Amino acid sequence: MTATVATATTPRPRTTTAADSARLRWGRRFQHGGWFVAPFFVLYGLFVVVPVVRGLYLSFTDANISGDHTSFIGLANYREALQDDLVWSSLWHSVKFTLWVVPMIVVVALLMALLAHHTVHFKWLWRLCFFAPFLLPSAVVGNLWWWLFQPTNGMVNHVLGLQTPWLAQKSTAMLAVVIATLWWTVGFSFLLYLAALQNIPQHLYEAAELDGAGPFQRLLHITVPNLRNITGLVLALQILASLQVFDQAVVMYQFGPGPEESTRTFVQYTLEQGFTSYRVGYASAISFILFLVIAAVALGRMWLLRRREEDAR
């Protein structure tokens, strides 16, 4: 009789792959902090992702504001938008506004930050005065500058000694919106520049002063190069915001497009199509055209930033 002896074999331990390690790592992170950020993702999905997906779907339909009798029409809205002269003119108004206001904001914000940084007395008062307009609502800003630009009793003409109808003629209509926007929004860029100026090492200025460099040379060779990154950030934020200009222009012209439609921006034309002409599908298509323009600007900025980092290496 032959006895069979069973040999117990020890199971080979499972090899942990990189994917397994990543899953374990993300699992631990979610256990520690995931429940804290979960409400944000839920709200973000409900109020951002879902409306964007819904708007993209509507851009391929002939939906109206009532939502009745919606049918799928493919790319018809986009083809119509590309042939619509008002789309191109309103886009040009937004681009022209951006080309005017962004360089002015960069220069004025830098000058204000230099003044607030180097002044000796009442620093808090300078900072408060420069930043306070940014806290005002757009409706207040629009109505305030509507009154300031009045040809007879407006403060702008009174100070300059003019009788210019700023809001009534095409040549100055967009300039009035630019001036109001500059006064309103420059405080945010001023705050960014002021924080960046405080982070520049002081010994650089002291060494340059010992070498005989004057104030302008120190500004040109120390301050401006050290503010290069924050200037890129200010440019990107202001370009993206200026392409979406709407509130102040609409309020200043009493919810109209300005003289000879010279201040009708892209966002305003989109809302006119959606809530005045009741063409929700067409308005959705126009809005996604603006989204593509803004995305192209953002991607271009990221590409330039990456190229700069590669050149620095």
Protein backbone atom coordinates (compact mmCIF):
# COMPACT_ATOMS: atom_id res chain seq x y z
CA MET A 1 0.00 0.00 0.00
CA THR A 2 1.51 3.25 -1.11
CA ALA A 3 1.01 6.43 0.94
CA THR A 4 0.67 9.68 -0.86
CA VAL A 5 2.17 12.65 0.91
CA ALA A 6 0.58 16.00 0.05
CA THR A 7 3.10 18.78 -0.18
CA ALA A 8 1.83 22.22 0.81
CA THR A 9 2.96 24.87 -1.57
CA THR A 10 3.35 28.44 -0.47
CA PRO A 11 1.50 30.83 -2.84
CA ARG A 12 3.76 33.20 -4.72
CA PRO A 13 3.26 36.80 -3.59
CA ARG A 14 1.52 38.98 -6.16
CA THR A 15 3.76 41.54 -7.78
CA THR A 16 2.60 45.10 -7.22
CA THR A 17 2.50 47.03 -10.45
CA ALA A 18 2.72 50.78 -10.95
CA ALA A 19 -1.02 50.91 -11.63
CA ASP A 20 -1.75 49.12 -8.36
CA SER A 21 0.47 51.54 -6.46
CA ALA A 22 -1.27 54.47 -8.07
CA ARG A 23 -4.70 53.11 -7.15
CA LEU A 24 -3.62 52.55 -3.55
CA ARG A 25 -2.12 56.01 -3.35
CA TRP A 26 -5.26 57.69 -4.74
CA GLY A 27 -7.40 55.53 -2.45
CA ARG A 28 -5.51 56.73 0.63
CA ARG A 29 -5.76 60.34 -0.53
CA PHE A 30 -9.52 60.04 -1.02
CA GLN A 31 -9.93 58.49 2.42
CA HIS A 32 -8.06 61.38 3.99
CA GLY A 33 -9.40 64.34 2.02
CA GLY A 34 -11.80 63.09 -0.63
CA TRP A 35 -14.93 63.59 1.41
CA PHE A 36 -14.00 67.24 1.96
CA VAL A 37 -13.80 68.03 -1.76
CA ALA A 38 -16.67 65.77 -2.82
CA PRO A 39 -19.35 68.48 -2.29
CA PHE A 40 -17.39 70.83 -4.55
CA PHE A 41 -17.23 68.26 -7.34
CA VAL A 42 -20.95 67.57 -7.00
CA LEU A 43 -21.84 71.26 -7.22
CA TYR A 44 -19.33 71.81 -10.03
CA GLY A 45 -20.85 68.99 -12.01
CA LEU A 46 -24.41 70.23 -11.45
CA PHE A 47 -23.80 73.92 -12.19
CA VAL A 48 -20.91 73.80 -14.69
CA VAL A 49 -20.47 70.45 -16.41
CA VAL A 50 -24.16 69.69 -16.91
CA PRO A 51 -25.01 73.17 -18.33
CA VAL A 52 -22.01 73.03 -20.68
CA VAL A 53 -23.02 69.62 -22.00
CA ARG A 54 -26.63 70.77 -22.28
CA GLY A 55 -25.58 73.92 -24.14
CA LEU A 56 -23.43 71.91 -26.54
CA TYR A 57 -26.40 69.69 -27.33
CA LEU A 58 -28.69 72.70 -27.86
CA SER A 59 -26.19 74.20 -30.32
CA PHE A 60 -27.03 71.35 -32.70
CA THR A 61 -30.77 71.94 -32.45
CA ASP A 62 -33.31 74.62 -33.37
CA ALA A 63 -34.41 75.02 -29.73
CA ASN A 64 -36.33 78.13 -28.73
CA ILE A 65 -36.71 79.67 -25.31
CA SER A 66 -39.89 77.71 -24.56
CA GLY A 67 -38.18 74.38 -25.27
CA ASP A 68 -41.05 73.10 -27.45
CA HIS A 69 -40.67 71.29 -30.78
CA THR A 70 -36.89 70.96 -30.61
CA SER A 71 -35.33 69.07 -33.51
CA PHE A 72 -31.75 68.13 -34.31
CA ILE A 73 -30.32 70.20 -37.21
CA GLY A 74 -26.62 69.31 -37.04
CA LEU A 75 -24.14 72.05 -37.92
CA ALA A 76 -26.73 74.43 -39.39
CA ASN A 77 -26.39 76.91 -36.51
CA TYR A 78 -22.61 77.01 -36.85
CA ARG A 79 -22.80 77.51 -40.63
CA GLU A 80 -25.25 80.36 -40.12
CA ALA A 81 -23.04 81.94 -37.45
CA LEU A 82 -20.00 81.91 -39.74
CA GLN A 83 -22.04 83.75 -42.38
CA ASP A 84 -23.63 86.22 -39.94
CA ASP A 85 -22.10 89.69 -40.28
CA LEU A 86 -23.27 90.67 -36.80
CA VAL A 87 -21.31 87.76 -35.32
CA TRP A 88 -18.10 89.02 -36.88
CA SER A 89 -18.76 92.68 -36.05
CA SER A 90 -19.57 91.92 -32.41
CA LEU A 91 -16.49 89.70 -32.18
CA TRP A 92 -14.39 92.54 -33.58
CA HIS A 93 -15.85 94.92 -30.99
CA SER A 94 -14.82 92.53 -28.22
CA VAL A 95 -11.34 92.12 -29.71
CA LYS A 96 -10.93 95.89 -30.16
CA PHE A 97 -11.99 96.46 -26.57
CA THR A 98 -9.42 93.88 -25.46
CA LEU A 99 -6.63 95.46 -27.51
CA TRP A 100 -7.38 98.82 -25.94
CA VAL A 101 -7.97 97.99 -22.31
CA VAL A 102 -5.43 95.23 -21.59
CA PRO A 103 -2.22 97.24 -22.28
CA MET A 104 -3.66 100.19 -20.35
CA ILE A 105 -4.45 97.99 -17.35
CA VAL A 106 -0.95 96.48 -17.33
CA VAL A 107 0.80 99.87 -17.47
CA VAL A 108 -1.49 101.68 -15.03
CA ALA A 109 -1.53 98.79 -12.54
CA LEU A 110 2.28 98.64 -12.54
CA LEU A 111 2.59 102.41 -11.99
CA MET A 112 0.04 102.29 -9.17
CA ALA A 113 1.85 99.37 -7.54
CA LEU A 114 5.20 101.19 -7.75
CA LEU A 115 3.66 104.27 -6.17
CA ALA A 116 2.00 102.33 -3.36
CA HIS A 117 5.15 100.25 -2.76
CA HIS A 118 7.64 103.12 -2.56
CA THR A 119 5.52 105.72 -0.81
CA VAL A 120 6.46 106.40 2.79
CA HIS A 121 3.30 107.75 4.41
CA PHE A 122 -0.28 106.44 4.36
CA LYS A 123 0.48 103.24 2.46
CA TRP A 124 -2.80 101.71 3.59
CA LEU A 125 -4.74 104.65 2.19
CA TRP A 126 -3.12 104.36 -1.26
CA ARG A 127 -3.86 100.65 -1.37
CA LEU A 128 -7.45 101.15 -0.27
CA CYS A 129 -8.11 103.89 -2.83
CA PHE A 130 -6.58 101.89 -5.69
CA PHE A 131 -8.37 98.64 -4.89
CA ALA A 132 -11.77 99.93 -3.69
CA PRO A 133 -13.39 100.39 -7.17
CA PHE A 134 -12.86 96.69 -7.90
CA LEU A 135 -15.31 95.84 -5.11
CA LEU A 136 -18.20 97.72 -6.72
CA PRO A 137 -20.92 95.83 -8.64
CA SER A 138 -20.99 96.25 -12.41
CA ALA A 139 -24.42 97.93 -12.29
CA VAL A 140 -23.08 100.62 -9.96
CA VAL A 141 -20.03 101.18 -12.16
CA GLY A 142 -22.12 101.43 -15.33
CA ASN A 143 -24.59 103.94 -13.88
CA LEU A 144 -21.81 105.96 -12.26
CA TRP A 145 -19.89 106.39 -15.51
CA TRP A 146 -23.09 106.97 -17.46
CA TRP A 147 -23.56 110.06 -15.30
CA LEU A 148 -19.89 111.09 -15.46
CA PHE A 149 -19.93 111.01 -19.28
CA GLN A 150 -23.04 113.19 -19.67
CA PRO A 151 -22.25 116.05 -22.11
CA THR A 152 -23.81 118.89 -20.09
CA ASN A 153 -23.55 118.07 -16.39
CA GLY A 154 -21.03 115.20 -16.46
CA MET A 155 -17.86 115.54 -14.41
CA VAL A 156 -15.56 114.33 -17.23
CA ASN A 157 -16.50 117.18 -19.57
CA HIS A 158 -16.55 119.63 -16.66
CA VAL A 159 -12.97 118.76 -15.63
CA LEU A 160 -11.65 118.69 -19.21
CA GLY A 161 -13.58 121.76 -20.28
CA LEU A 162 -15.32 119.93 -23.12
CA GLN A 163 -18.85 119.36 -24.38
CA THR A 164 -18.15 115.96 -25.95
CA PRO A 165 -21.13 113.56 -26.18
CA TRP A 166 -19.08 110.55 -25.15
CA LEU A 167 -21.95 108.08 -25.17
CA ALA A 168 -23.75 109.45 -28.22
CA GLN A 169 -21.12 109.30 -30.95
CA LYS A 170 -19.43 106.28 -32.48
CA SER A 171 -15.86 107.59 -32.24
CA THR A 172 -15.90 107.82 -28.43
CA ALA A 173 -18.47 105.17 -27.47
CA MET A 174 -16.05 102.28 -27.03
CA LEU A 175 -13.42 104.56 -25.49
CA ALA A 176 -15.90 105.46 -22.75
CA VAL A 177 -16.37 101.77 -21.94
CA VAL A 178 -12.59 101.30 -21.89
CA ILE A 179 -12.09 104.18 -19.44
CA ALA A 180 -14.83 102.90 -17.13
CA THR A 181 -13.43 99.37 -17.23
CA LEU A 182 -9.90 100.59 -16.55
CA TRP A 183 -11.05 102.49 -13.46
CA TRP A 184 -13.14 99.54 -12.29
CA THR A 185 -10.82 96.55 -12.81
CA VAL A 186 -7.27 97.90 -12.54
CA GLY A 187 -7.31 97.36 -8.77
CA PHE A 188 -7.08 93.58 -9.11
CA SER A 189 -3.96 93.74 -11.31
CA PHE A 190 -2.56 96.42 -8.99
CA LEU A 191 -2.85 94.00 -6.08
CA LEU A 192 -1.01 91.27 -7.98
CA TYR A 193 1.82 93.62 -8.93
CA LEU A 194 2.08 94.96 -5.39
CA ALA A 195 2.45 91.45 -3.97
CA ALA A 196 5.09 90.64 -6.59
CA LEU A 197 7.05 93.82 -5.83
CA GLN A 198 7.23 92.89 -2.16
CA ASN A 199 8.82 89.55 -3.07
CA ILE A 200 11.75 91.06 -5.02
CA PRO A 201 14.92 90.77 -2.86
CA GLN A 202 15.96 94.19 -1.58
CA HIS A 203 19.66 93.39 -1.84
CA LEU A 204 19.39 93.50 -5.62
CA TYR A 205 18.44 97.18 -5.48
CA GLU A 206 21.13 97.92 -2.90
CA ALA A 207 23.84 96.28 -5.02
CA ALA A 208 22.67 98.11 -8.14
CA GLU A 209 22.63 101.42 -6.29
CA LEU A 210 26.19 100.84 -5.09
CA ASP A 211 27.20 100.21 -8.70
CA GLY A 212 25.79 103.59 -9.68
CA ALA A 213 22.48 102.50 -11.25
CA GLY A 214 19.79 105.16 -11.21
CA PRO A 215 16.08 104.67 -10.46
CA PHE A 216 15.16 104.12 -14.12
CA GLN A 217 17.97 101.61 -14.62
CA ARG A 218 16.93 99.71 -11.49
CA LEU A 219 13.36 99.66 -12.76
CA LEU A 220 14.38 98.45 -16.20
CA HIS A 221 16.97 95.85 -15.21
CA ILE A 222 15.67 94.59 -11.85
CA THR A 223 11.98 95.32 -11.36
CA VAL A 224 10.64 94.56 -14.82
CA PRO A 225 12.53 91.22 -15.27
CA ASN A 226 11.40 90.03 -11.84
CA LEU A 227 7.81 90.88 -12.70
CA ARG A 228 7.82 88.93 -15.95
CA ASN A 229 5.82 85.99 -14.63
CA ILE A 230 3.19 88.14 -12.92
CA THR A 231 2.89 90.26 -16.06
CA GLY A 232 2.15 87.12 -18.06
CA LEU A 233 -0.50 86.16 -15.53
CA VAL A 234 -2.08 89.63 -15.62
CA LEU A 235 -2.13 89.60 -19.42
CA ALA A 236 -3.76 86.17 -19.55
CA LEU A 237 -6.43 86.99 -16.97
CA GLN A 238 -7.27 90.36 -18.48
CA ILE A 239 -7.46 89.03 -22.04
CA LEU A 240 -9.82 86.24 -21.01
CA ALA A 241 -11.98 88.64 -19.01
CA SER A 242 -12.02 91.38 -21.67
CA LEU A 243 -13.17 89.02 -24.42
CA GLN A 244 -16.27 88.42 -22.28
CA VAL A 245 -17.04 92.11 -21.70
CA PHE A 246 -20.75 92.69 -21.21
CA ASP A 247 -22.02 94.21 -17.97
CA GLN A 248 -20.57 97.71 -17.97
CA ALA A 249 -21.18 98.28 -21.69
CA VAL A 250 -24.83 97.25 -21.44
CA VAL A 251 -25.54 99.32 -18.33
CA MET A 252 -23.77 102.44 -19.62
CA TYR A 253 -25.86 102.41 -22.80
CA GLN A 254 -29.12 101.60 -21.02
CA PHE A 255 -29.20 98.01 -22.28
CA GLY A 256 -28.64 99.02 -25.89
CA PRO A 257 -25.80 98.39 -28.37
CA GLY A 258 -24.51 101.97 -28.35
CA PRO A 259 -24.46 104.47 -31.24
CA GLU A 260 -24.49 102.68 -34.60
CA GLU A 261 -24.13 99.40 -32.66
CA SER A 262 -20.50 100.31 -31.95
CA THR A 263 -20.42 98.76 -28.48
CA ARG A 264 -22.33 95.54 -29.17
CA THR A 265 -19.98 92.86 -27.86
CA PHE A 266 -20.00 89.15 -28.60
CA VAL A 267 -21.63 88.21 -25.30
CA GLN A 268 -24.30 90.86 -25.77
CA TYR A 269 -25.17 89.59 -29.24
CA THR A 270 -25.37 86.06 -27.88
CA LEU A 271 -27.86 87.12 -25.20
CA GLU A 272 -29.87 89.08 -27.77
CA GLN A 273 -30.27 85.97 -29.87
CA GLY A 274 -31.19 83.82 -26.89
CA PHE A 275 -33.53 86.12 -24.93
CA THR A 276 -34.73 88.66 -27.49
CA SER A 277 -34.99 86.58 -30.64
CA TYR A 278 -35.71 83.43 -28.55
CA ARG A 279 -33.24 81.36 -30.62
CA VAL A 280 -31.62 79.34 -27.86
CA GLY A 281 -29.99 76.85 -30.21
CA TYR A 282 -28.38 79.56 -32.31
CA ALA A 283 -27.25 81.45 -29.19
CA SER A 284 -25.66 78.25 -27.86
CA ALA A 285 -23.72 77.81 -31.08
CA ILE A 286 -22.47 81.41 -30.91
CA SER A 287 -21.41 80.97 -27.30
CA PHE A 288 -19.37 77.90 -28.17
CA ILE A 289 -17.60 79.87 -30.90
CA LEU A 290 -16.52 82.33 -28.20
CA PHE A 291 -15.52 79.37 -26.05
CA LEU A 292 -13.22 78.14 -28.83
CA VAL A 293 -11.67 81.59 -29.17
CA ILE A 294 -11.00 81.82 -25.42
CA ALA A 295 -9.66 78.25 -25.35
CA ALA A 296 -7.28 79.08 -28.21
CA VAL A 297 -5.99 82.10 -26.27
CA ALA A 298 -5.52 80.04 -23.10
CA LEU A 299 -3.74 77.21 -24.93
CA GLY A 300 -1.53 79.71 -26.72
CA ARG A 301 -0.53 81.22 -23.41
CA MET A 302 0.26 77.78 -21.98
CA TRP A 303 2.37 76.95 -25.05
CA LEU A 304 4.36 80.19 -24.74
CA LEU A 305 4.89 79.57 -21.03
CA ARG A 306 6.16 76.05 -21.70
CA ARG A 307 8.50 77.31 -24.41
CA ARG A 308 9.86 79.93 -22.02
CA GLU A 309 10.50 77.28 -19.35
CA GLU A 310 12.27 75.04 -21.88
CA ASP A 311 14.46 77.94 -23.04
CA ALA A 312 15.31 78.76 -19.42
CA ARG A 313 16.60 75.23 -18.89
